[in-house]
Protein backbone atom coordinates (compact mmCIF):
# COMPACT_ATOMS: atom_id res chain seq x y z
CA MET A 1 106.66 64.62 86.44
CA TYR A 2 107.92 67.22 88.94
CA SER A 3 108.46 69.89 86.25
CA SER A 4 104.74 70.62 86.17
CA LEU A 5 104.74 71.66 89.85
CA ASN A 6 104.89 75.42 90.34
CA LEU A 7 107.23 75.12 93.32
CA PHE A 8 109.96 73.62 91.17
CA ARG A 9 109.31 76.10 88.37
CA VAL A 10 109.70 79.04 90.78
CA ALA A 11 112.86 77.55 92.29
CA GLY A 12 114.27 77.04 88.79
CA SER A 13 113.38 80.61 87.82
CA MET A 14 115.06 81.91 90.97
CA ALA A 15 118.23 79.95 90.22
CA GLN A 16 118.31 81.13 86.58
CA HIS A 17 117.78 84.71 87.69
CA ALA A 18 120.64 84.43 90.21
CA SER A 19 122.83 82.98 87.46
CA GLN A 20 122.09 85.92 85.16
CA ARG A 21 122.84 88.39 87.94
CA GLN A 22 126.11 86.62 88.79
CA ALA A 23 127.24 86.68 85.15
CA LEU A 24 126.50 90.40 84.92
CA THR A 25 128.34 91.10 88.18
CA ALA A 26 131.36 89.13 86.93
CA GLN A 27 131.28 91.13 83.70
CA ASN A 28 131.20 94.38 85.67
CA ILE A 29 134.19 93.30 87.78
CA ALA A 30 136.11 92.21 84.67
CA ASN A 31 135.58 95.68 83.16
CA ALA A 32 136.41 97.64 86.32
CA ASP A 33 139.37 99.36 84.59
CA THR A 34 137.81 99.78 81.14
CA PRO A 35 137.46 103.49 80.34
CA GLY A 36 133.85 104.52 79.68
CA TYR A 37 132.35 101.21 80.80
CA ARG A 38 128.97 101.62 82.48
CA ALA A 39 128.13 99.09 85.19
CA ARG A 40 124.94 97.12 84.61
CA SER A 41 122.69 95.36 87.07
CA ILE A 42 119.57 93.23 87.32
CA ALA A 43 117.12 93.76 90.16
CA PRO A 44 116.77 90.95 92.73
CA PHE A 45 114.25 88.23 91.95
CA SER A 46 111.78 89.49 94.54
CA GLU A 47 111.65 92.94 92.93
CA THR A 48 111.46 91.52 89.40
CA PHE A 49 108.68 89.18 90.46
CA ARG A 50 106.80 91.97 92.28
CA ASP A 51 107.04 94.38 89.30
CA ASP A 52 105.88 91.76 86.79
CA PRO A 53 102.67 92.94 85.08
CA THR A 54 101.38 89.35 84.89
CA PRO A 55 99.65 88.64 88.20
CA VAL A 56 100.41 85.42 90.02
CA ALA A 57 97.24 83.48 90.55
CA LEU A 58 96.22 80.07 91.76
CA ARG A 59 96.20 77.19 89.32
CA GLN A 60 92.73 75.78 88.65
CA THR A 61 92.69 71.97 88.69
CA ARG A 62 88.96 71.46 89.13
CA ALA A 63 85.90 73.40 88.00
CA GLY A 64 85.10 74.49 91.58
CA HIS A 65 88.54 76.03 92.15
CA LEU A 66 89.47 79.66 91.64
CA ALA A 67 90.70 80.58 88.17
CA GLY A 68 94.44 80.13 87.68
CA GLY A 69 97.15 82.06 85.89
CA GLN A 70 100.67 81.69 84.63
CA LEU A 71 103.78 82.45 86.63
CA SER A 72 106.39 84.61 84.93
CA ALA A 73 109.09 87.08 85.79
CA GLN A 74 111.26 88.92 83.30
CA ALA A 75 114.71 90.22 84.24
CA ARG A 76 115.53 93.71 83.00
CA VAL A 77 119.14 94.77 82.64
CA GLU A 78 119.64 98.37 83.71
CA PHE A 79 122.63 100.62 84.15
CA ALA A 80 123.70 100.93 87.78
CA ASP A 81 123.32 104.29 89.51
CA THR A 82 126.89 104.97 90.56
CA GLU A 83 129.16 107.95 90.17
CA ALA A 84 131.58 107.80 87.26
CA SER A 85 135.33 107.86 87.85
CA PRO A 86 137.52 110.33 85.91
CA ASN A 87 137.87 107.86 83.03
CA GLY A 88 134.07 107.47 82.74
CA ASN A 89 133.90 104.02 84.36
CA THR A 90 130.96 103.51 86.76
CA VAL A 91 131.98 100.16 88.29
CA SER A 92 132.31 100.16 92.08
CA LEU A 93 134.16 97.05 93.20
CA GLU A 94 132.73 97.39 96.71
CA GLU A 95 129.16 97.38 95.38
CA GLU A 96 129.92 94.45 93.08
CA MET A 97 131.29 92.43 96.01
CA VAL A 98 128.13 93.13 98.03
CA ASN A 99 126.03 92.18 95.00
CA ALA A 100 127.95 88.91 94.65
CA VAL A 101 127.17 87.98 98.27
CA ASN A 102 123.47 88.82 97.82
CA ILE A 103 123.36 86.79 94.62
CA GLN A 104 124.94 83.82 96.41
CA ARG A 105 122.18 84.07 99.03
CA GLU A 106 119.49 84.17 96.32
CA HIS A 107 120.93 81.07 94.68
CA GLY A 108 121.15 79.29 98.05
CA ARG A 109 117.52 80.19 98.75
CA ALA A 110 116.45 78.76 95.37
CA LEU A 111 118.38 75.57 96.08
CA ALA A 112 116.83 75.27 99.55
CA ILE A 113 113.32 75.64 98.10
CA TYR A 114 114.07 72.99 95.48
CA GLN A 115 115.52 70.60 98.05
CA HIS A 116 112.57 71.09 100.39
CA GLY A 117 110.15 70.43 97.52
CA MET A 118 112.00 67.21 96.66
CA LYS A 119 111.87 66.14 100.32
CA VAL A 120 108.11 66.73 100.45
CA LEU A 121 107.66 64.89 97.14
CA ARG A 122 109.70 61.91 98.40
CA THR A 123 107.78 61.85 101.65
CA THR A 124 104.49 61.91 99.75
CA LEU A 125 105.62 58.98 97.62
CA GLY A 126 106.71 57.07 100.71
CA ARG A 127 110.43 56.94 99.97
């Protein structure tokens, strides 16, 4: 029932995006000493969502409403812009630690949105 609500879909997309970013950050940290390894990154959800060519529009539920559209955001993995060490490795542990904290915040924000949506849904149902 609640999976058709856009609020929950966006919160789920935010959490999945944060999960992908965290996995990539962990992979970068694990390869911090690998010669020639190039650090990779995924842009934050807000940037990915903003750069998405598919516009976000209102959902039309009645004929008199504005036309609706689909919500989508695609994550693009890119190589990080950092200076290479003498062995060709571009991983900066300091940057990866900062990324990990930002990713934790993104995931917390997604969880807060989901929890708030559930609270509103429960209140609406009278529970």
